[in-house]
Amino acid sequence: MAKYKAPSKKIHRGFIYLDDETVINSLSAVEAGKIDEVVAKVNLAREGGVAATLGVGPAKLDGGKKGTSEFEEEMVRTRTRFSVFELWYQSLVDGKALGTFEGWGPGVLDGVESGDTIEFRADCEVAPIETLLRTFLWFAEKAKSSGHFFSQKGDELKETKEGERNIRALLEGNGDQVVVLARPLGDPGPTVGMSIKREWLIGTLGRLGGEYTVVGQVDRLIGDNEEFPAMRLTQDVAPSGVEIESMKAALAVFEESAATLNIEISGNQATIKGPALWIEPIAIYR
């Protein structure tokens, strides 16, 4: 009978998101010497060229010295950010500074405080309303060009462009951030929401989906009968009731469109309703 033998430990991390700026700043406060050591080692390898960092023969790239330099710099940056994460993560584990959960369910947030650094396993997905709006923006761009299946003309194209303007106005308040929802493994319990920044993505946003380990810092606990705006009209002022109601009304008109694209939107997703947890993500990986 065929049988799978699982690895006894996991060493490789398949990152899809890593905010290494936060990691470096955090680790620098308590373990600056370790960061210096990592950077020094990587720079030493870099001085020997690409071959030294890869452990292979000379590499030849089109574009001459400039192309080689850019390749080396990107490799150094990538290796450094992963190495520093491992040091930072281990320092949290060794210092017992990482909050973890045994399962999930009602009452699981008892004892959790804003500012805690936490780790959990969860099914993660881009919020359905984000998927809907960004799918429409992709379609609108295609509709403007001619000669293919998505091309539009006349009043039909005019209507699409109007929808595009409205959606871009709605998304403007979030800047380069995208709302992600996480369902921690275990029994049904509080919702976990977060905004990921595109600059820290490793790969493409379309890859995000399925089960991941999430490490992040608790931003706020959303209590029973409370709600927090997942999508913002503006980042320049604190969330208000007026903003929340305005965003709810604006997003409600897209519920019918979601059904036609087979995107399930359960309830209005302008807010995260309590009990819930809103976090600042630091790393998402498998």
Protein backbone atom coordinates (compact mmCIF):
# COMPACT_ATOMS: atom_id res chain seq x y z
CA MET A 1 0.00 0.00 0.00
CA ALA A 2 1.39 3.37 -1.00
CA LYS A 3 2.25 5.65 1.90
CA TYR A 4 3.68 9.16 2.26
CA LYS A 5 6.46 9.80 4.76
CA ALA A 6 6.24 13.40 5.92
CA PRO A 7 9.44 15.35 6.64
CA SER A 8 10.37 15.39 10.32
CA LYS A 9 11.04 19.12 10.14
CA LYS A 10 10.49 21.97 7.70
CA ILE A 11 13.52 24.01 6.74
CA HIS A 12 12.48 25.58 3.44
CA ARG A 13 10.04 28.50 3.58
CA GLY A 14 8.14 29.35 0.42
CA PHE A 15 7.52 33.04 1.02
CA ILE A 16 4.75 34.86 -0.75
CA TYR A 17 5.03 37.96 1.43
CA LEU A 18 7.86 39.32 3.58
CA ASP A 19 8.03 42.82 5.05
CA ASP A 20 11.77 42.74 5.62
CA GLU A 21 11.90 46.44 6.52
CA THR A 22 9.87 45.73 9.65
CA VAL A 23 11.97 42.63 10.36
CA ILE A 24 15.26 44.51 10.06
CA ASN A 25 14.05 47.43 12.19
CA SER A 26 12.78 45.07 14.86
CA LEU A 27 15.90 42.91 14.95
CA SER A 28 18.21 45.94 14.87
CA ALA A 29 16.79 47.13 18.19
CA VAL A 30 17.97 44.03 20.06
CA GLU A 31 20.30 42.03 17.80
CA ALA A 32 22.12 44.57 15.64
CA GLY A 33 25.30 42.49 15.74
CA LYS A 34 23.59 39.52 14.10
CA ILE A 35 22.33 41.68 11.24
CA ASP A 36 25.82 43.07 10.71
CA GLU A 37 27.16 39.52 10.56
CA VAL A 38 24.65 38.43 7.91
CA VAL A 39 25.20 41.51 5.75
CA ALA A 40 28.98 41.14 6.06
CA LYS A 41 28.87 37.51 4.92
CA VAL A 42 26.63 38.29 1.96
CA ASN A 43 28.82 41.22 0.94
CA LEU A 44 31.90 38.99 1.19
CA ALA A 45 30.28 36.56 -1.23
CA ARG A 46 29.32 39.42 -3.50
CA GLU A 47 32.91 40.63 -3.72
CA GLY A 48 33.76 37.32 -5.34
CA GLY A 49 31.10 37.88 -7.99
CA VAL A 50 28.06 35.87 -8.89
CA ALA A 51 30.06 32.64 -9.02
CA ALA A 52 30.97 32.94 -5.34
CA THR A 53 27.39 33.44 -4.19
CA LEU A 54 26.10 30.58 -6.33
CA GLY A 55 28.99 28.21 -5.90
CA VAL A 56 29.22 27.61 -9.65
CA GLY A 57 31.38 28.64 -12.56
CA PRO A 58 31.43 32.12 -14.07
CA ALA A 59 28.02 33.43 -15.10
CA LYS A 60 27.62 35.39 -18.30
CA LEU A 61 24.69 37.74 -18.74
CA ASP A 62 23.62 39.78 -21.70
CA GLY A 63 24.02 43.48 -21.10
CA GLY A 64 27.62 43.37 -19.90
CA LYS A 65 28.81 44.75 -16.57
CA LYS A 66 25.61 46.68 -15.85
CA GLY A 67 23.42 43.60 -16.24
CA THR A 68 25.73 41.52 -14.06
CA SER A 69 25.77 44.21 -11.36
CA GLU A 70 21.99 44.45 -11.25
CA PHE A 71 21.72 40.66 -11.05
CA GLU A 72 24.21 40.52 -8.16
CA GLU A 73 22.46 43.30 -6.26
CA GLU A 74 19.10 41.60 -6.55
CA MET A 75 20.59 38.29 -5.40
CA VAL A 76 22.23 39.94 -2.40
CA ARG A 77 19.01 41.67 -1.45
CA THR A 78 16.98 38.46 -1.74
CA ARG A 79 19.45 36.38 0.24
CA THR A 80 19.78 39.05 2.92
CA ARG A 81 16.04 39.46 3.51
CA PHE A 82 15.51 35.71 3.97
CA SER A 83 18.55 35.33 6.24
CA VAL A 84 17.51 38.23 8.44
CA PHE A 85 13.99 36.82 8.75
CA GLU A 86 15.37 33.53 10.09
CA LEU A 87 17.44 35.39 12.70
CA TRP A 88 14.49 37.57 13.69
CA TYR A 89 12.07 34.64 13.88
CA GLN A 90 14.46 32.54 15.96
CA SER A 91 15.07 35.47 18.31
CA LEU A 92 11.30 35.66 18.94
CA VAL A 93 11.10 31.91 19.57
CA ASP A 94 14.13 31.89 21.88
CA GLY A 95 12.83 34.93 23.76
CA LYS A 96 9.33 33.44 24.06
CA ALA A 97 8.07 36.60 22.37
CA LEU A 98 5.83 34.92 19.79
CA GLY A 99 2.17 34.30 20.56
CA THR A 100 0.69 31.08 19.18
CA PHE A 101 -2.72 29.42 19.27
CA GLU A 102 -3.81 25.91 20.13
CA GLY A 103 -6.63 25.45 17.64
CA TRP A 104 -9.20 28.13 16.88
CA GLY A 105 -12.73 28.93 17.99
CA PRO A 106 -14.86 31.25 20.13
CA GLY A 107 -12.90 32.87 22.93
CA VAL A 108 -9.54 32.22 21.27
CA LEU A 109 -8.66 35.93 21.46
CA ASP A 110 -8.83 36.02 25.26
CA GLY A 111 -5.48 37.36 26.42
CA VAL A 112 -4.45 38.71 23.02
CA GLU A 113 -3.34 42.36 23.15
CA SER A 114 -2.55 45.03 20.58
CA GLY A 115 1.15 44.94 19.80
CA ASP A 116 1.54 41.18 20.31
CA THR A 117 3.54 39.39 17.63
CA ILE A 118 1.61 36.24 16.72
CA GLU A 119 1.88 33.19 14.47
CA PHE A 120 -0.90 30.96 13.14
CA ARG A 121 -1.79 28.62 10.28
CA ALA A 122 -4.69 29.69 8.11
CA ASP A 123 -6.42 29.50 4.76
CA CYS A 124 -5.73 32.88 3.18
CA GLU A 125 -7.40 34.60 0.25
CA VAL A 126 -7.69 38.06 -1.22
CA ALA A 127 -11.02 39.49 -0.03
CA PRO A 128 -13.68 38.61 -2.64
CA ILE A 129 -14.68 42.26 -3.08
CA GLU A 130 -11.03 43.08 -3.92
CA THR A 131 -10.98 40.22 -6.44
CA LEU A 132 -14.16 41.53 -8.04
CA LEU A 133 -13.00 45.13 -8.33
CA ARG A 134 -9.54 44.27 -9.62
CA THR A 135 -10.95 41.76 -12.11
CA PHE A 136 -13.14 44.53 -13.49
CA LEU A 137 -10.15 46.88 -13.79
CA TRP A 138 -8.30 44.21 -15.76
CA PHE A 139 -11.31 43.80 -18.04
CA ALA A 140 -11.67 47.57 -18.52
CA GLU A 141 -8.07 47.82 -19.73
CA LYS A 142 -8.68 45.03 -22.25
CA ALA A 143 -11.95 46.59 -23.43
CA LYS A 144 -10.15 49.75 -24.57
CA SER A 145 -8.04 47.92 -27.16
CA SER A 146 -9.44 46.46 -30.36
CA GLY A 147 -9.20 43.18 -32.21
CA HIS A 148 -9.93 40.62 -29.50
CA PHE A 149 -12.73 38.97 -27.53
CA PHE A 150 -12.87 41.64 -24.81
CA SER A 151 -12.96 44.67 -27.14
CA GLN A 152 -15.83 47.11 -26.72
CA LYS A 153 -17.14 50.11 -28.63
CA GLY A 154 -19.65 52.93 -28.30
CA ASP A 155 -22.02 53.10 -25.32
CA GLU A 156 -20.84 49.75 -24.03
CA LEU A 157 -17.24 50.97 -23.78
CA LYS A 158 -18.39 54.29 -22.32
CA GLU A 159 -20.22 52.45 -19.53
CA THR A 160 -17.16 50.30 -18.82
CA LYS A 161 -14.92 53.37 -18.57
CA GLU A 162 -17.34 55.00 -16.14
CA GLY A 163 -17.28 51.88 -13.97
CA GLU A 164 -13.48 51.88 -14.10
CA ARG A 165 -13.30 55.49 -12.86
CA ASN A 166 -15.63 54.71 -9.96
CA ILE A 167 -13.66 51.63 -8.92
CA ARG A 168 -10.31 53.43 -9.09
CA ALA A 169 -11.77 56.15 -6.87
CA LEU A 170 -12.88 53.52 -4.35
CA LEU A 171 -9.49 51.79 -4.31
CA GLU A 172 -7.51 55.03 -4.12
CA GLY A 173 -7.89 55.23 -0.33
CA ASN A 174 -6.07 51.92 0.11
CA GLY A 175 -3.10 52.91 -2.06
CA ASP A 176 -1.00 49.85 -2.92
CA GLN A 177 -2.59 47.78 -0.14
CA VAL A 178 -4.85 44.79 -0.73
CA VAL A 179 -7.22 43.32 1.86
CA VAL A 180 -6.59 39.66 2.71
CA LEU A 181 -8.81 37.45 4.86
CA ALA A 182 -7.47 34.54 6.90
CA ARG A 183 -9.42 31.62 8.34
CA PRO A 184 -7.19 30.04 11.00
CA LEU A 185 -7.25 26.26 11.11
CA GLY A 186 -9.62 24.85 13.71
CA ASP A 187 -13.21 25.48 14.66
CA PRO A 188 -15.11 28.55 13.37
CA GLY A 189 -14.08 31.61 15.32
CA PRO A 190 -13.13 35.28 14.99
CA THR A 191 -12.29 36.64 11.56
CA VAL A 192 -8.69 37.68 10.89
CA GLY A 193 -8.13 40.51 8.41
CA MET A 194 -5.05 42.32 7.16
CA SER A 195 -3.84 44.64 4.42
CA ILE A 196 -0.79 43.48 2.51
CA LYS A 197 1.44 45.94 0.70
CA ARG A 198 2.35 45.09 -2.89
CA GLU A 199 5.96 46.19 -2.40
CA TRP A 200 6.56 43.24 -0.06
CA LEU A 201 4.96 40.60 -2.26
CA ILE A 202 7.24 37.84 -3.48
CA GLY A 203 5.76 36.73 -6.76
CA THR A 204 2.31 37.77 -7.94
CA LEU A 205 -0.86 38.50 -6.02
CA GLY A 206 -2.67 35.83 -8.02
CA ARG A 207 -0.57 33.14 -6.31
CA LEU A 208 -2.08 33.92 -2.91
CA GLY A 209 -4.55 31.26 -1.89
CA GLY A 210 -4.62 28.18 0.29
CA GLU A 211 -3.00 27.30 3.59
CA TYR A 212 -0.11 29.41 4.93
CA THR A 213 1.75 30.25 8.09
CA VAL A 214 1.17 33.90 8.97
CA VAL A 215 3.40 35.96 11.26
CA GLY A 216 2.20 39.43 12.13
CA GLN A 217 1.62 42.04 14.80
CA VAL A 218 -1.79 42.62 16.33
CA ASP A 219 -3.06 46.03 15.29
CA ARG A 220 -6.43 45.92 17.01
CA LEU A 221 -9.04 43.68 18.52
CA ILE A 222 -12.52 44.27 17.11
CA GLY A 223 -15.09 43.52 19.77
CA ASP A 224 -18.61 42.11 19.55
CA ASN A 225 -21.00 44.45 17.72
CA GLU A 226 -18.06 46.54 16.47
CA GLU A 227 -16.83 46.90 12.91
CA PHE A 228 -13.61 48.13 11.34
CA PRO A 229 -13.30 49.44 7.78
CA ALA A 230 -11.30 46.93 5.76
CA MET A 231 -11.32 49.26 2.76
CA ARG A 232 -10.74 52.96 3.24
CA LEU A 233 -11.90 55.97 1.28
CA THR A 234 -8.93 57.92 2.64
CA GLN A 235 -5.96 57.23 4.91
CA ASP A 236 -5.70 60.89 5.96
CA VAL A 237 -8.31 60.75 8.75
CA ALA A 238 -9.35 58.23 11.39
CA PRO A 239 -12.19 55.85 10.40
CA SER A 240 -15.61 57.36 10.99
CA GLY A 241 -19.21 56.25 10.79
CA VAL A 242 -19.73 58.44 7.73
CA GLU A 243 -16.84 56.80 5.88
CA ILE A 244 -18.03 53.31 6.78
CA GLU A 245 -21.58 53.93 5.61
CA SER A 246 -20.38 55.62 2.42
CA MET A 247 -18.15 52.67 1.55
CA LYS A 248 -20.94 50.20 2.31
CA ALA A 249 -23.28 52.01 -0.05
CA ALA A 250 -20.63 52.23 -2.78
CA LEU A 251 -19.74 48.52 -2.62
CA ALA A 252 -23.33 47.28 -2.39
CA VAL A 253 -23.90 48.05 -6.08
CA PHE A 254 -21.32 45.42 -7.06
CA GLU A 255 -23.07 42.43 -5.44
CA GLU A 256 -25.00 41.61 -8.62
CA SER A 257 -21.85 41.88 -10.73
CA ALA A 258 -20.09 39.44 -8.40
CA ALA A 259 -22.70 36.78 -9.05
CA THR A 260 -22.21 37.01 -12.83
CA LEU A 261 -18.46 36.39 -12.37
CA ASN A 262 -19.04 33.51 -9.92
CA ILE A 263 -17.36 35.48 -7.14
CA GLU A 264 -19.11 34.82 -3.86
CA ILE A 265 -19.62 37.90 -1.73
CA SER A 266 -21.32 37.09 1.56
CA GLY A 267 -22.68 40.28 3.07
CA ASN A 268 -21.15 43.71 2.67
CA GLN A 269 -17.37 43.49 2.81
CA ALA A 270 -16.63 47.14 3.43
CA THR A 271 -15.96 46.26 7.06
CA ILE A 272 -14.66 43.49 9.27
CA LYS A 273 -17.28 42.73 11.92
CA GLY A 274 -16.34 41.66 15.44
CA PRO A 275 -15.35 39.60 17.13
CA ALA A 276 -12.34 39.83 14.88
CA LEU A 277 -8.62 40.45 14.74
CA TRP A 278 -6.89 42.97 12.50
CA ILE A 279 -3.15 42.45 12.07
CA GLU A 280 -0.16 44.02 10.39
CA PRO A 281 1.30 41.11 8.38
CA ILE A 282 5.05 40.59 8.46
CA ALA A 283 5.48 37.23 6.71
CA ILE A 284 3.22 34.81 4.85
CA TYR A 285 4.79 31.54 3.76
CA ARG A 286 4.44 27.79 3.32
